[in-house]
Amino acid sequence: MLQPLFLKPVFKERIWGGIALATEFGYDIPTDHTGECWAISAHPNGPSMIENGPYAGMTLDELWKEHPELFGNPKEEVFPLLTKILDANTDLSVQVHPEDDYAKAHENGELGKTECWYILDCKEGADMIFGHNAKTKEELRQKIVEGKWNELLRKVKIKPGDFFYVPSGTIHALCQGTLVLETQQSCDTTYRVYDYNRRDLEGNLRELHLDKAIDVTTVPHLNTNVIPKVEKRENATVTSFIESKFFSVYKWTVNGKATFTADNRYLLVSVIKGDGALVHAGERYPLKKGSHFILPVGTSEFQLDGDVEFIVSHT
């Protein structure tokens, strides 16, 4: 019998991290500079472990290789997605990510990194860096070299519940006091453009990657405004944020007992608010804020019960 695959997150210490992953989600974080929860990950730098059922103790990358039938016998060699929660206790570096071909050529076959953010929480009046004002690569390089960041970088206001699509090649940075759920390609490659002259935990200035960053930055900046589509169902609201060649991402808001179908694909599911249960094949699985699971291909129909909010993705 198919079962949901509940996952044990992996935590990453970051210079900009804090304690929100503990205070908001109840996670047992390793330090008070914990910046990232790799919630659903098969990346070699931090694979999640299956916590339940016949595959308990296996990592997601092992399961992907040894039981591809759970994922519909996919053509991809590696699990394509990565779900994270980020605690930007202070500003992140201004950065950009490569696309697939560039990453494959320059980063040992790594995937590129197109990503998206759901703003879980942020301080009043918060903003983030999203895009730039350069019209040409030459202008981009000149403003970076001269440090004219106020002229170069674009800022946008954010609030809880906002969603942003961040294609590879987009200069961006989360700012202080922001908690985000990120859905991305399974990639750990970041090119830093500017880091506020900060020093790492050992006292060294952090490395910048200016040549690669300029290589991969989309010029001029490409606007990617998202217009969510909202569908009302019995005891549920389904908000569709993005459907791209890399991933589709939704928010499910459940109030009561609601029925869903997996449509013959595997689903990545994260509980971002509330408590409840997943009911499938006569079994009831408790859910709480901070739970993360995968519904394998063949799950078909299932119910979600409670007052709960989810972020859901698939390829």
C-alpha atoms as a PDB file:
ATOM      1  CA  MET A   1       0.000   0.000   0.000  1.00  0.00           C
ATOM      2  CA  LEU A   2       1.330   3.426  -0.910  1.00  0.00           C
ATOM      3  CA  GLN A   3       2.044   5.693   2.037  1.00  0.00           C
ATOM      4  CA  PRO A   4       2.977   9.360   2.242  1.00  0.00           C
ATOM      5  CA  LEU A   5       6.721   9.839   2.693  1.00  0.00           C
ATOM      6  CA  PHE A   6       7.344  12.067   5.717  1.00  0.00           C
ATOM      7  CA  LEU A   7      10.775  13.673   5.718  1.00  0.00           C
ATOM      8  CA  LYS A   8      13.254  14.728   8.378  1.00  0.00           C
ATOM      9  CA  PRO A   9      14.649  18.178   7.531  1.00  0.00           C
ATOM     10  CA  VAL A  10      18.322  19.102   7.313  1.00  0.00           C
ATOM     11  CA  PHE A  11      19.411  22.405   8.897  1.00  0.00           C
ATOM     12  CA  LYS A  12      22.124  24.756   7.684  1.00  0.00           C
ATOM     13  CA  GLU A  13      23.985  27.335   9.737  1.00  0.00           C
ATOM     14  CA  ARG A  14      24.262  30.670   7.951  1.00  0.00           C
ATOM     15  CA  ILE A  15      25.855  33.981   8.892  1.00  0.00           C
ATOM     16  CA  TRP A  16      22.476  35.652   8.329  1.00  0.00           C
ATOM     17  CA  GLY A  17      20.397  33.012  10.144  1.00  0.00           C
ATOM     18  CA  GLY A  18      18.614  33.211  13.483  1.00  0.00           C
ATOM     19  CA  ILE A  19      16.220  31.205  15.662  1.00  0.00           C
ATOM     20  CA  ALA A  20      12.897  31.640  13.848  1.00  0.00           C
ATOM     21  CA  LEU A  21      12.948  28.048  12.596  1.00  0.00           C
ATOM     22  CA  ALA A  22      12.730  27.012  16.251  1.00  0.00           C
ATOM     23  CA  THR A  23      10.314  29.666  17.497  1.00  0.00           C
ATOM     24  CA  GLU A  24       7.941  29.504  14.518  1.00  0.00           C
ATOM     25  CA  PHE A  25       8.099  25.810  13.604  1.00  0.00           C
ATOM     26  CA  GLY A  26       9.341  24.099  16.749  1.00  0.00           C
ATOM     27  CA  TYR A  27      12.359  22.599  15.001  1.00  0.00           C
ATOM     28  CA  ASP A  28      15.349  21.442  17.030  1.00  0.00           C
ATOM     29  CA  ILE A  29      17.877  23.712  15.327  1.00  0.00           C
ATOM     30  CA  PRO A  30      21.640  23.266  15.761  1.00  0.00           C
ATOM     31  CA  THR A  31      22.618  26.886  16.552  1.00  0.00           C
ATOM     32  CA  ASP A  32      21.134  30.374  16.921  1.00  0.00           C
ATOM     33  CA  HIS A  33      22.474  31.184  13.436  1.00  0.00           C
ATOM     34  CA  THR A  34      20.367  28.581  11.634  1.00  0.00           C
ATOM     35  CA  GLY A  35      19.366  30.073   8.301  1.00  0.00           C
ATOM     36  CA  GLU A  36      17.987  27.202   6.235  1.00  0.00           C
ATOM     37  CA  CYS A  37      15.734  24.205   6.700  1.00  0.00           C
ATOM     38  CA  TRP A  38      16.181  21.843   3.755  1.00  0.00           C
ATOM     39  CA  ALA A  39      12.766  20.303   4.178  1.00  0.00           C
ATOM     40  CA  ILE A  40      12.417  18.137   1.055  1.00  0.00           C
ATOM     41  CA  SER A  41      15.855  17.548  -0.404  1.00  0.00           C
ATOM     42  CA  ALA A  42      17.726  14.914  -2.367  1.00  0.00           C
ATOM     43  CA  HIS A  43      20.705  17.195  -2.975  1.00  0.00           C
ATOM     44  CA  PRO A  44      24.056  15.636  -1.954  1.00  0.00           C
ATOM     45  CA  ASN A  45      24.804  18.665   0.256  1.00  0.00           C
ATOM     46  CA  GLY A  46      21.837  17.841   2.490  1.00  0.00           C
ATOM     47  CA  PRO A  47      19.500  14.947   1.658  1.00  0.00           C
ATOM     48  CA  SER A  48      16.340  14.494   3.747  1.00  0.00           C
ATOM     49  CA  MET A  49      15.636  11.149   5.389  1.00  0.00           C
ATOM     50  CA  ILE A  50      12.353   9.212   5.171  1.00  0.00           C
ATOM     51  CA  GLU A  51      10.844   8.931   8.669  1.00  0.00           C
ATOM     52  CA  ASN A  52       8.002   6.450   8.229  1.00  0.00           C
ATOM     53  CA  GLY A  53       6.849   3.276   6.513  1.00  0.00           C
ATOM     54  CA  PRO A  54       8.851   0.629   4.667  1.00  0.00           C
ATOM     55  CA  TYR A  55      11.452   3.146   3.435  1.00  0.00           C
ATOM     56  CA  ALA A  56      12.221   4.684   6.850  1.00  0.00           C
ATOM     57  CA  GLY A  57      15.910   5.439   7.196  1.00  0.00           C
ATOM     58  CA  MET A  58      16.534   5.867   3.477  1.00  0.00           C
ATOM     59  CA  THR A  59      17.496   9.267   2.141  1.00  0.00           C
ATOM     60  CA  LEU A  60      15.391  10.823  -0.589  1.00  0.00           C
ATOM     61  CA  ASP A  61      18.191  10.529  -3.138  1.00  0.00           C
ATOM     62  CA  GLU A  62      18.527   6.811  -2.366  1.00  0.00           C
ATOM     63  CA  LEU A  63      14.786   6.325  -2.719  1.00  0.00           C
ATOM     64  CA  TRP A  64      14.784   8.197  -6.044  1.00  0.00           C
ATOM     65  CA  LYS A  65      17.431   5.826  -7.424  1.00  0.00           C
ATOM     66  CA  GLU A  66      16.199   2.554  -5.912  1.00  0.00           C
ATOM     67  CA  HIS A  67      12.415   2.984  -6.210  1.00  0.00           C
ATOM     68  CA  PRO A  68      11.753   5.207  -9.248  1.00  0.00           C
ATOM     69  CA  GLU A  69       8.252   3.708  -9.519  1.00  0.00           C
ATOM     70  CA  LEU A  70       7.221   5.884  -6.542  1.00  0.00           C
ATOM     71  CA  PHE A  71       7.913   8.911  -8.730  1.00  0.00           C
ATOM     72  CA  GLY A  72       6.452   7.628 -11.982  1.00  0.00           C
ATOM     73  CA  ASN A  73       9.754   6.257 -13.349  1.00  0.00           C
ATOM     74  CA  PRO A  74      11.054   9.733 -14.172  1.00  0.00           C
ATOM     75  CA  LYS A  75      13.616  10.492 -16.849  1.00  0.00           C
ATOM     76  CA  GLU A  76      15.631  12.862 -14.637  1.00  0.00           C
ATOM     77  CA  GLU A  77      18.789  11.384 -13.116  1.00  0.00           C
ATOM     78  CA  VAL A  78      18.414  13.421  -9.927  1.00  0.00           C
ATOM     79  CA  PHE A  79      15.389  14.481  -7.896  1.00  0.00           C
ATOM     80  CA  PRO A  80      14.638  17.820  -9.547  1.00  0.00           C
ATOM     81  CA  LEU A  81      13.218  19.954  -6.720  1.00  0.00           C
ATOM     82  CA  LEU A  82      14.259  21.269  -3.318  1.00  0.00           C
ATOM     83  CA  THR A  83      11.934  22.788  -0.705  1.00  0.00           C
ATOM     84  CA  LYS A  84      13.492  25.082   1.901  1.00  0.00           C
ATOM     85  CA  ILE A  85      12.436  27.413   4.684  1.00  0.00           C
ATOM     86  CA  LEU A  86      14.748  30.420   5.053  1.00  0.00           C
ATOM     87  CA  ASP A  87      15.141  32.577   8.162  1.00  0.00           C
ATOM     88  CA  ALA A  88      16.668  35.871   7.024  1.00  0.00           C
ATOM     89  CA  ASN A  89      17.483  37.209  10.482  1.00  0.00           C
ATOM     90  CA  THR A  90      19.792  39.701   8.742  1.00  0.00           C
ATOM     91  CA  ASP A  91      20.205  40.664   5.073  1.00  0.00           C
ATOM     92  CA  LEU A  92      21.284  37.948   2.671  1.00  0.00           C
ATOM     93  CA  SER A  93      24.005  38.669   0.143  1.00  0.00           C
ATOM     94  CA  VAL A  94      22.967  40.161  -3.182  1.00  0.00           C
ATOM     95  CA  GLN A  95      23.219  37.154  -5.489  1.00  0.00           C
ATOM     96  CA  VAL A  96      22.266  35.486  -8.734  1.00  0.00           C
ATOM     97  CA  HIS A  97      21.980  31.871  -9.900  1.00  0.00           C
ATOM     98  CA  PRO A  98      22.919  30.216 -13.218  1.00  0.00           C
ATOM     99  CA  GLU A  99      20.603  28.418 -15.618  1.00  0.00           C
ATOM    100  CA  ASP A 100      20.951  24.742 -16.466  1.00  0.00           C
ATOM    101  CA  ASP A 101      23.463  24.892 -19.327  1.00  0.00           C
ATOM    102  CA  TYR A 102      25.810  27.312 -17.562  1.00  0.00           C
ATOM    103  CA  ALA A 103      25.685  25.346 -14.302  1.00  0.00           C
ATOM    104  CA  LYS A 104      26.308  22.069 -16.111  1.00  0.00           C
ATOM    105  CA  ALA A 105      29.374  23.527 -17.835  1.00  0.00           C
ATOM    106  CA  HIS A 106      30.840  25.457 -14.890  1.00  0.00           C
ATOM    107  CA  GLU A 107      29.598  23.665 -11.746  1.00  0.00           C
ATOM    108  CA  ASN A 108      30.375  19.976 -12.323  1.00  0.00           C
ATOM    109  CA  GLY A 109      27.067  19.088 -13.925  1.00  0.00           C
ATOM    110  CA  GLU A 110      24.894  20.834 -11.319  1.00  0.00           C
ATOM    111  CA  LEU A 111      21.367  21.878 -12.259  1.00  0.00           C
ATOM    112  CA  GLY A 112      20.633  25.560 -12.672  1.00  0.00           C
ATOM    113  CA  LYS A 113      18.572  27.363 -10.090  1.00  0.00           C
ATOM    114  CA  THR A 114      15.232  28.893 -10.833  1.00  0.00           C
ATOM    115  CA  GLU A 115      13.356  29.409  -7.580  1.00  0.00           C
ATOM    116  CA  CYS A 116      10.303  31.020  -6.036  1.00  0.00           C
ATOM    117  CA  TRP A 117       9.396  32.424  -2.629  1.00  0.00           C
ATOM    118  CA  TYR A 118       6.253  32.380  -0.543  1.00  0.00           C
ATOM    119  CA  ILE A 119       6.577  35.042   2.164  1.00  0.00           C
ATOM    120  CA  LEU A 120       5.592  33.312   5.419  1.00  0.00           C
ATOM    121  CA  ASP A 121       6.317  36.332   7.597  1.00  0.00           C
ATOM    122  CA  CYS A 122       8.227  39.590   7.558  1.00  0.00           C
ATOM    123  CA  LYS A 123       8.579  42.713   9.621  1.00  0.00           C
ATOM    124  CA  GLU A 124       6.343  45.727   8.990  1.00  0.00           C
ATOM    125  CA  GLY A 125       7.430  47.665   5.915  1.00  0.00           C
ATOM    126  CA  ALA A 126       9.902  44.987   4.823  1.00  0.00           C
ATOM    127  CA  ASP A 127      11.380  44.932   1.360  1.00  0.00           C
ATOM    128  CA  MET A 128      13.707  42.778  -0.698  1.00  0.00           C
ATOM    129  CA  ILE A 129      16.129  43.293  -3.555  1.00  0.00           C
ATOM    130  CA  PHE A 130      14.626  42.043  -6.797  1.00  0.00           C
ATOM    131  CA  GLY A 131      16.256  42.993 -10.073  1.00  0.00           C
ATOM    132  CA  HIS A 132      18.542  45.760 -11.291  1.00  0.00           C
ATOM    133  CA  ASN A 133      18.481  48.913 -13.417  1.00  0.00           C
ATOM    134  CA  ALA A 134      21.363  48.233 -15.826  1.00  0.00           C
ATOM    135  CA  LYS A 135      20.519  48.339 -19.530  1.00  0.00           C
ATOM    136  CA  THR A 136      23.668  46.535 -20.747  1.00  0.00           C
ATOM    137  CA  LYS A 137      26.239  44.099 -19.392  1.00  0.00           C
ATOM    138  CA  GLU A 138      28.832  46.897 -19.562  1.00  0.00           C
ATOM    139  CA  GLU A 139      26.681  49.147 -17.384  1.00  0.00           C
ATOM    140  CA  LEU A 140      26.063  46.263 -14.990  1.00  0.00           C
ATOM    141  CA  ARG A 141      29.790  45.599 -14.619  1.00  0.00           C
ATOM    142  CA  GLN A 142      30.618  49.298 -14.227  1.00  0.00           C
ATOM    143  CA  LYS A 143      28.085  49.900 -11.457  1.00  0.00           C
ATOM    144  CA  ILE A 144      29.208  46.749  -9.634  1.00  0.00           C
ATOM    145  CA  VAL A 145      32.897  47.721  -9.855  1.00  0.00           C
ATOM    146  CA  GLU A 146      32.131  51.280  -8.722  1.00  0.00           C
ATOM    147  CA  GLY A 147      29.867  50.043  -5.911  1.00  0.00           C
ATOM    148  CA  LYS A 148      26.892  52.124  -7.021  1.00  0.00           C
ATOM    149  CA  TRP A 149      24.414  49.788  -5.357  1.00  0.00           C
ATOM    150  CA  ASN A 150      21.673  52.368  -4.756  1.00  0.00           C
ATOM    151  CA  GLU A 151      21.645  53.149  -8.476  1.00  0.00           C
ATOM    152  CA  LEU A 152      21.883  49.543  -9.589  1.00  0.00           C
ATOM    153  CA  LEU A 153      19.605  47.502  -7.330  1.00  0.00           C
ATOM    154  CA  ARG A 154      15.810  47.505  -7.341  1.00  0.00           C
ATOM    155  CA  LYS A 155      13.836  47.068  -4.120  1.00  0.00           C
ATOM    156  CA  VAL A 156      10.237  45.920  -3.759  1.00  0.00           C
ATOM    157  CA  LYS A 157       7.958  45.976  -0.723  1.00  0.00           C
ATOM    158  CA  ILE A 158       6.811  42.618   0.633  1.00  0.00           C
ATOM    159  CA  LYS A 159       4.181  41.359   3.053  1.00  0.00           C
ATOM    160  CA  PRO A 160       3.130  37.943   4.383  1.00  0.00           C
ATOM    161  CA  GLY A 161       1.334  35.913   1.710  1.00  0.00           C
ATOM    162  CA  ASP A 162       3.215  37.448  -1.229  1.00  0.00           C
ATOM    163  CA  PHE A 163       4.679  35.123  -3.867  1.00  0.00           C
ATOM    164  CA  PHE A 164       7.668  35.846  -6.111  1.00  0.00           C
ATOM    165  CA  TYR A 165       8.973  33.865  -9.090  1.00  0.00           C
ATOM    166  CA  VAL A 166      12.768  34.194  -9.352  1.00  0.00           C
ATOM    167  CA  PRO A 167      14.127  32.779 -12.628  1.00  0.00           C
ATOM    168  CA  SER A 168      17.835  32.014 -12.966  1.00  0.00           C
ATOM    169  CA  GLY A 169      19.670  35.180 -13.962  1.00  0.00           C
ATOM    170  CA  THR A 170      17.662  37.386 -11.571  1.00  0.00           C
ATOM    171  CA  ILE A 171      19.680  39.476  -9.098  1.00  0.00           C
ATOM    172  CA  HIS A 172      17.966  39.206  -5.715  1.00  0.00           C
ATOM    173  CA  ALA A 173      18.335  39.197  -1.936  1.00  0.00           C
ATOM    174  CA  LEU A 174      16.049  38.629   0.999  1.00  0.00           C
ATOM    175  CA  CYS A 175      16.343  41.334   3.637  1.00  0.00           C
ATOM    176  CA  GLN A 176      16.344  41.345   7.421  1.00  0.00           C
ATOM    177  CA  GLY A 177      13.345  39.956   9.277  1.00  0.00           C
ATOM    178  CA  THR A 178      11.920  37.730   6.535  1.00  0.00           C
ATOM    179  CA  LEU A 179      10.756  34.109   6.781  1.00  0.00           C
ATOM    180  CA  VAL A 180      10.261  32.398   3.424  1.00  0.00           C
ATOM    181  CA  LEU A 181       9.300  29.031   1.988  1.00  0.00           C
ATOM    182  CA  GLU A 182      11.358  28.487  -1.136  1.00  0.00           C
ATOM    183  CA  THR A 183      10.660  26.033  -3.932  1.00  0.00           C
ATOM    184  CA  GLN A 184      13.625  25.668  -6.293  1.00  0.00           C
ATOM    185  CA  GLN A 185      15.488  23.450  -8.656  1.00  0.00           C
ATOM    186  CA  SER A 186      17.758  21.061  -6.754  1.00  0.00           C
ATOM    187  CA  CYS A 187      20.865  23.230  -6.900  1.00  0.00           C
ATOM    188  CA  ASP A 188      23.281  24.679  -4.346  1.00  0.00           C
ATOM    189  CA  THR A 189      25.108  27.141  -6.605  1.00  0.00           C
ATOM    190  CA  THR A 190      25.026  30.836  -5.697  1.00  0.00           C
ATOM    191  CA  TYR A 191      27.085  33.664  -7.199  1.00  0.00           C
ATOM    192  CA  ARG A 192      27.499  36.522  -4.736  1.00  0.00           C
ATOM    193  CA  VAL A 193      27.488  40.022  -6.214  1.00  0.00           C
ATOM    194  CA  TYR A 194      27.667  42.076  -2.993  1.00  0.00           C
ATOM    195  CA  ASP A 195      27.778  41.130   0.675  1.00  0.00           C
ATOM    196  CA  TYR A 196      27.865  44.451   2.572  1.00  0.00           C
ATOM    197  CA  ASN A 197      31.588  43.844   3.294  1.00  0.00           C
ATOM    198  CA  ARG A 198      30.564  41.288   5.920  1.00  0.00           C
ATOM    199  CA  ARG A 199      32.945  38.805   7.432  1.00  0.00           C
ATOM    200  CA  ASP A 200      32.164  35.129   7.916  1.00  0.00           C
ATOM    201  CA  LEU A 201      32.157  33.310  11.245  1.00  0.00           C
ATOM    202  CA  GLU A 202      35.968  32.980  11.005  1.00  0.00           C
ATOM    203  CA  GLY A 203      36.419  36.720  10.416  1.00  0.00           C
ATOM    204  CA  ASN A 204      37.134  36.560   6.677  1.00  0.00           C
ATOM    205  CA  LEU A 205      35.460  38.624   3.993  1.00  0.00           C
ATOM    206  CA  ARG A 206      33.086  36.302   2.151  1.00  0.00           C
ATOM    207  CA  GLU A 207      33.987  35.382  -1.411  1.00  0.00           C
ATOM    208  CA  LEU A 208      32.317  37.198  -4.292  1.00  0.00           C
ATOM    209  CA  HIS A 209      31.830  35.655  -7.740  1.00  0.00           C
ATOM    210  CA  LEU A 210      31.627  38.745  -9.921  1.00  0.00           C
ATOM    211  CA  ASP A 211      32.670  37.357 -13.314  1.00  0.00           C
ATOM    212  CA  LYS A 212      30.280  34.416 -13.141  1.00  0.00           C
ATOM    213  CA  ALA A 213      27.536  36.618 -11.705  1.00  0.00           C
ATOM    214  CA  ILE A 214      27.830  39.110 -14.554  1.00  0.00           C
ATOM    215  CA  ASP A 215      27.955  36.222 -17.055  1.00  0.00           C
ATOM    216  CA  VAL A 216      24.628  34.778 -15.918  1.00  0.00           C
ATOM    217  CA  THR A 217      22.650  37.922 -15.005  1.00  0.00           C
ATOM    218  CA  THR A 218      19.729  38.661 -17.306  1.00  0.00           C
ATOM    219  CA  VAL A 219      20.172  42.183 -18.768  1.00  0.00           C
ATOM    220  CA  PRO A 220      17.976  44.159 -18.797  1.00  0.00           C
ATOM    221  CA  HIS A 221      16.021  42.843 -15.807  1.00  0.00           C
ATOM    222  CA  LEU A 222      13.002  40.734 -16.749  1.00  0.00           C
ATOM    223  CA  ASN A 223       9.844  41.400 -14.750  1.00  0.00           C
ATOM    224  CA  THR A 224       8.106  38.222 -13.604  1.00  0.00           C
ATOM    225  CA  ASN A 225       4.948  39.455 -11.934  1.00  0.00           C
ATOM    226  CA  VAL A 226       2.779  36.637 -10.616  1.00  0.00           C
ATOM    227  CA  ILE A 227      -1.022  36.841 -10.819  1.00  0.00           C
ATOM    228  CA  PRO A 228      -2.410  34.075  -8.590  1.00  0.00           C
ATOM    229  CA  LYS A 229      -5.471  32.107  -9.695  1.00  0.00           C
ATOM    230  CA  VAL A 230      -7.891  31.284  -6.877  1.00  0.00           C
ATOM    231  CA  GLU A 231     -10.292  28.343  -6.962  1.00  0.00           C
ATOM    232  CA  LYS A 232     -12.897  27.756  -4.259  1.00  0.00           C
ATOM    233  CA  ARG A 233     -13.728  24.138  -3.391  1.00  0.00           C
ATOM    234  CA  GLU A 234     -15.730  22.441  -0.665  1.00  0.00           C
ATOM    235  CA  ASN A 235     -13.874  23.291   2.575  1.00  0.00           C
ATOM    236  CA  ALA A 236     -10.795  24.406   0.638  1.00  0.00           C
ATOM    237  CA  THR A 237      -9.258  27.193  -1.407  1.00  0.00           C
ATOM    238  CA  VAL A 238      -6.609  26.372  -4.017  1.00  0.00           C
ATOM    239  CA  THR A 239      -4.350  29.248  -5.076  1.00  0.00           C
ATOM    240  CA  SER A 240      -2.214  28.551  -8.162  1.00  0.00           C
ATOM    241  CA  PHE A 241       0.901  30.725  -8.120  1.00  0.00           C
ATOM    242  CA  ILE A 242       3.096  29.504 -10.958  1.00  0.00           C
ATOM    243  CA  GLU A 243       3.191  26.820 -13.624  1.00  0.00           C
ATOM    244  CA  SER A 244       6.638  26.764 -15.243  1.00  0.00           C
ATOM    245  CA  LYS A 245       8.780  24.163 -16.981  1.00  0.00           C
ATOM    246  CA  PHE A 246      10.669  23.721 -13.686  1.00  0.00           C
ATOM    247  CA  PHE A 247       7.810  23.476 -11.196  1.00  0.00           C
ATOM    248  CA  SER A 248       4.227  24.344 -10.398  1.00  0.00           C
ATOM    249  CA  VAL A 249       3.443  25.773  -6.954  1.00  0.00           C
ATOM    250  CA  TYR A 250       0.139  26.114  -5.112  1.00  0.00           C
ATOM    251  CA  LYS A 251      -1.236  27.100  -1.744  1.00  0.00           C
ATOM    252  CA  TRP A 252      -3.981  24.920  -0.306  1.00  0.00           C
ATOM    253  CA  THR A 253      -6.081  26.389   2.507  1.00  0.00           C
ATOM    254  CA  VAL A 254      -8.259  23.772   4.193  1.00  0.00           C
ATOM    255  CA  ASN A 255     -11.069  24.469   6.677  1.00  0.00           C
ATOM    256  CA  GLY A 256     -12.734  21.184   7.529  1.00  0.00           C
ATOM    257  CA  LYS A 257     -12.359  18.037   5.454  1.00  0.00           C
ATOM    258  CA  ALA A 258     -11.443  18.446   1.797  1.00  0.00           C
ATOM    259  CA  THR A 259     -10.792  15.904  -0.944  1.00  0.00           C
ATOM    260  CA  PHE A 260      -7.900  16.206  -3.397  1.00  0.00           C
ATOM    261  CA  THR A 261      -6.435  14.095  -6.190  1.00  0.00           C
ATOM    262  CA  ALA A 262      -2.759  13.761  -7.072  1.00  0.00           C
ATOM    263  CA  ASP A 263      -3.470  13.486 -10.834  1.00  0.00           C
ATOM    264  CA  ASN A 264      -0.905  10.701 -11.345  1.00  0.00           C
ATOM    265  CA  ARG A 265       2.077  12.792 -10.248  1.00  0.00           C
ATOM    266  CA  TYR A 266       4.121  12.966  -7.074  1.00  0.00           C
ATOM    267  CA  LEU A 267       3.463  15.985  -4.868  1.00  0.00           C
ATOM    268  CA  LEU A 268       5.752  17.817  -2.438  1.00  0.00           C
ATOM    269  CA  VAL A 269       3.692  19.131   0.483  1.00  0.00           C
ATOM    270  CA  SER A 270       4.677  21.467   3.349  1.00  0.00           C
ATOM    271  CA  VAL A 271       2.421  22.452   6.252  1.00  0.00           C
ATOM    272  CA  ILE A 272       2.916  26.176   6.856  1.00  0.00           C
ATOM    273  CA  LYS A 273       0.086  26.859   9.316  1.00  0.00           C
ATOM    274  CA  GLY A 274      -2.272  24.945  11.587  1.00  0.00           C
ATOM    275  CA  ASP A 275      -2.783  21.317  12.568  1.00  0.00           C
ATOM    276  CA  GLY A 276      -4.784  18.532  11.004  1.00  0.00           C
ATOM    277  CA  ALA A 277      -4.507  15.169   9.320  1.00  0.00           C
ATOM    278  CA  LEU A 278      -3.935  13.467   5.985  1.00  0.00           C
ATOM    279  CA  VAL A 279      -6.390  10.633   5.366  1.00  0.00           C
ATOM    280  CA  HIS A 280      -5.511   8.061   2.697  1.00  0.00           C
ATOM    281  CA  ALA A 281      -6.498   4.417   2.145  1.00  0.00           C
ATOM    282  CA  GLY A 282      -8.129   4.202   5.564  1.00  0.00           C
ATOM    283  CA  GLU A 283      -5.051   5.531   7.377  1.00  0.00           C
ATOM    284  CA  ARG A 284      -4.926   8.842   9.230  1.00  0.00           C
ATOM    285  CA  TYR A 285      -1.599  10.677   9.450  1.00  0.00           C
ATOM    286  CA  PRO A 286      -1.351  13.631  11.873  1.00  0.00           C
ATOM    287  CA  LEU A 287      -0.034  16.904  10.469  1.00  0.00           C
ATOM    288  CA  LYS A 288       1.363  19.971  12.194  1.00  0.00           C
ATOM    289  CA  LYS A 289       3.024  23.197  11.158  1.00  0.00           C
ATOM    290  CA  GLY A 290       6.465  22.267   9.878  1.00  0.00           C
ATOM    291  CA  SER A 291       5.516  18.814   8.579  1.00  0.00           C
ATOM    292  CA  HIS A 292       6.820  17.968   5.108  1.00  0.00           C
ATOM    293  CA  PHE A 293       5.917  14.956   2.991  1.00  0.00           C
ATOM    294  CA  ILE A 294       5.783  13.558  -0.520  1.00  0.00           C
ATOM    295  CA  LEU A 295       2.717  11.829  -1.941  1.00  0.00           C
ATOM    296  CA  PRO A 296       4.016   9.157  -4.369  1.00  0.00           C
ATOM    297  CA  VAL A 297       2.610   8.580  -7.834  1.00  0.00           C
ATOM    298  CA  GLY A 298      -0.486   6.395  -7.494  1.00  0.00           C
ATOM    299  CA  THR A 299      -1.731   8.042  -4.311  1.00  0.00           C
ATOM    300  CA  SER A 300      -4.819   9.117  -6.263  1.00  0.00           C
ATOM    301  CA  GLU A 301      -7.556  10.491  -3.999  1.00  0.00           C
ATOM    302  CA  PHE A 302      -6.884  11.643  -0.435  1.00  0.00           C
ATOM    303  CA  GLN A 303      -8.399  13.925   2.195  1.00  0.00           C
ATOM    304  CA  LEU A 304      -6.954  16.750   4.250  1.00  0.00           C
ATOM    305  CA  ASP A 305      -8.721  17.478   7.511  1.00  0.00           C
ATOM    306  CA  GLY A 306      -8.382  20.462   9.862  1.00  0.00           C
ATOM    307  CA  ASP A 307      -7.668  24.166   9.694  1.00  0.00           C
ATOM    308  CA  VAL A 308      -4.403  23.990   7.795  1.00  0.00           C
ATOM    309  CA  GLU A 309      -2.409  25.813   5.114  1.00  0.00           C
ATOM    310  CA  PHE A 310      -0.057  24.009   2.738  1.00  0.00           C
ATOM    311  CA  ILE A 311       2.437  24.902   0.026  1.00  0.00           C
ATOM    312  CA  VAL A 312       2.357  22.201  -2.645  1.00  0.00           C
ATOM    313  CA  SER A 313       4.627  21.712  -5.655  1.00  0.00           C
ATOM    314  CA  HIS A 314       5.333  19.302  -8.473  1.00  0.00           C
ATOM    315  CA  THR A 315       7.381  19.167 -11.659  1.00  0.00           C
END
